[in-house]
Amino acid sequence: MDVRIGVTQAARELSFEVADSDRDELVSRVEAALSGATDVLWVNDRRGRSVAVPSTKIAYVELGSPEERRIGFGG
């Protein structure tokens, strides 16, 4: 599953992949971070890297797979 996190005061967003089975856990972590229950949102991606985002700097979070892009003249 693709994850995109917008960070305030940053020109680019964070983009990485996590396992599809981690969706519910990630949603609960994001909700906790946005409600102020935690100060930092930690996410582990598929490659084993850990990403930390301060809760006060989160602008938005998008979860899901990218849309299928078609190339050429197909409909």
Protein backbone atom coordinates (compact mmCIF):
# COMPACT_ATOMS: atom_id res chain seq x y z
CA MET A 1 0.00 0.00 0.00
CA ASP A 2 1.29 3.44 -0.87
CA VAL A 3 1.47 6.10 1.83
CA ARG A 4 1.92 9.82 1.22
CA ILE A 5 2.35 12.24 4.11
CA GLY A 6 2.32 15.97 3.59
CA VAL A 7 4.50 17.92 5.99
CA THR A 8 3.96 21.60 6.74
CA GLN A 9 6.84 23.94 5.91
CA ALA A 10 8.28 21.32 3.49
CA ALA A 11 8.29 21.53 -0.28
CA ARG A 12 7.94 17.78 -0.84
CA GLU A 13 5.77 15.09 0.66
CA LEU A 14 6.99 11.82 2.15
CA SER A 15 6.13 8.84 -0.04
CA PHE A 16 6.77 5.16 0.74
CA GLU A 17 5.16 1.71 0.73
CA VAL A 18 3.94 -0.36 3.67
CA ALA A 19 2.44 -3.85 3.79
CA ASP A 20 -1.28 -3.99 2.99
CA SER A 21 -1.87 -5.92 6.22
CA ASP A 22 -0.62 -2.92 8.25
CA ARG A 23 -3.40 -0.59 7.05
CA ASP A 24 -5.62 -0.73 10.17
CA GLU A 25 -2.67 -0.29 12.52
CA LEU A 26 -1.38 2.66 10.49
CA VAL A 27 -4.80 4.33 10.49
CA SER A 28 -4.99 4.06 14.28
CA ARG A 29 -1.45 5.50 14.61
CA VAL A 30 -2.32 8.43 12.34
CA GLU A 31 -5.53 9.11 14.28
CA ALA A 32 -3.57 9.07 17.56
CA ALA A 33 -0.97 11.45 16.14
CA LEU A 34 -3.56 13.88 14.77
CA SER A 35 -5.56 13.86 18.01
CA GLY A 36 -2.45 14.75 20.03
CA ALA A 37 -2.18 11.42 21.87
CA THR A 38 1.37 10.94 20.51
CA ASP A 39 4.01 13.51 19.63
CA VAL A 40 5.62 11.55 16.79
CA LEU A 41 4.16 9.33 14.06
CA TRP A 42 6.50 6.39 13.40
CA VAL A 43 5.99 4.30 10.27
CA ASN A 44 8.01 1.28 9.11
CA ASP A 45 8.13 0.78 5.35
CA ARG A 46 8.54 -2.41 3.33
CA ARG A 47 12.30 -1.96 3.07
CA GLY A 48 12.70 -1.92 6.85
CA ARG A 49 13.27 1.82 7.15
CA SER A 50 11.61 3.79 9.92
CA VAL A 51 10.10 7.20 9.19
CA ALA A 52 9.28 9.68 11.96
CA VAL A 53 7.07 12.74 11.50
CA PRO A 54 6.27 15.19 14.31
CA SER A 55 2.51 15.14 14.84
CA THR A 56 2.26 18.92 14.77
CA LYS A 57 3.82 19.03 11.27
CA ILE A 58 1.43 16.59 9.55
CA ALA A 59 -0.61 18.38 6.88
CA TYR A 60 -2.33 15.33 5.35
CA VAL A 61 -2.04 11.56 5.00
CA GLU A 62 -3.08 9.54 1.93
CA LEU A 63 -3.35 5.75 2.08
CA GLY A 64 -3.93 3.51 -0.90
CA SER A 65 -2.58 2.23 -4.16
CA PRO A 66 -1.81 4.52 -7.07
CA GLU A 67 -4.30 4.68 -9.88
CA GLU A 68 -3.49 2.60 -12.90
CA ARG A 69 -2.02 4.87 -15.51
CA ARG A 70 -2.67 4.18 -19.15
CA ILE A 71 -0.27 5.19 -21.84
CA GLY A 72 -1.25 5.80 -25.43
CA PHE A 73 -4.61 6.32 -27.03
CA GLY A 74 -6.52 3.68 -25.04
CA GLY A 75 -9.65 4.63 -23.12
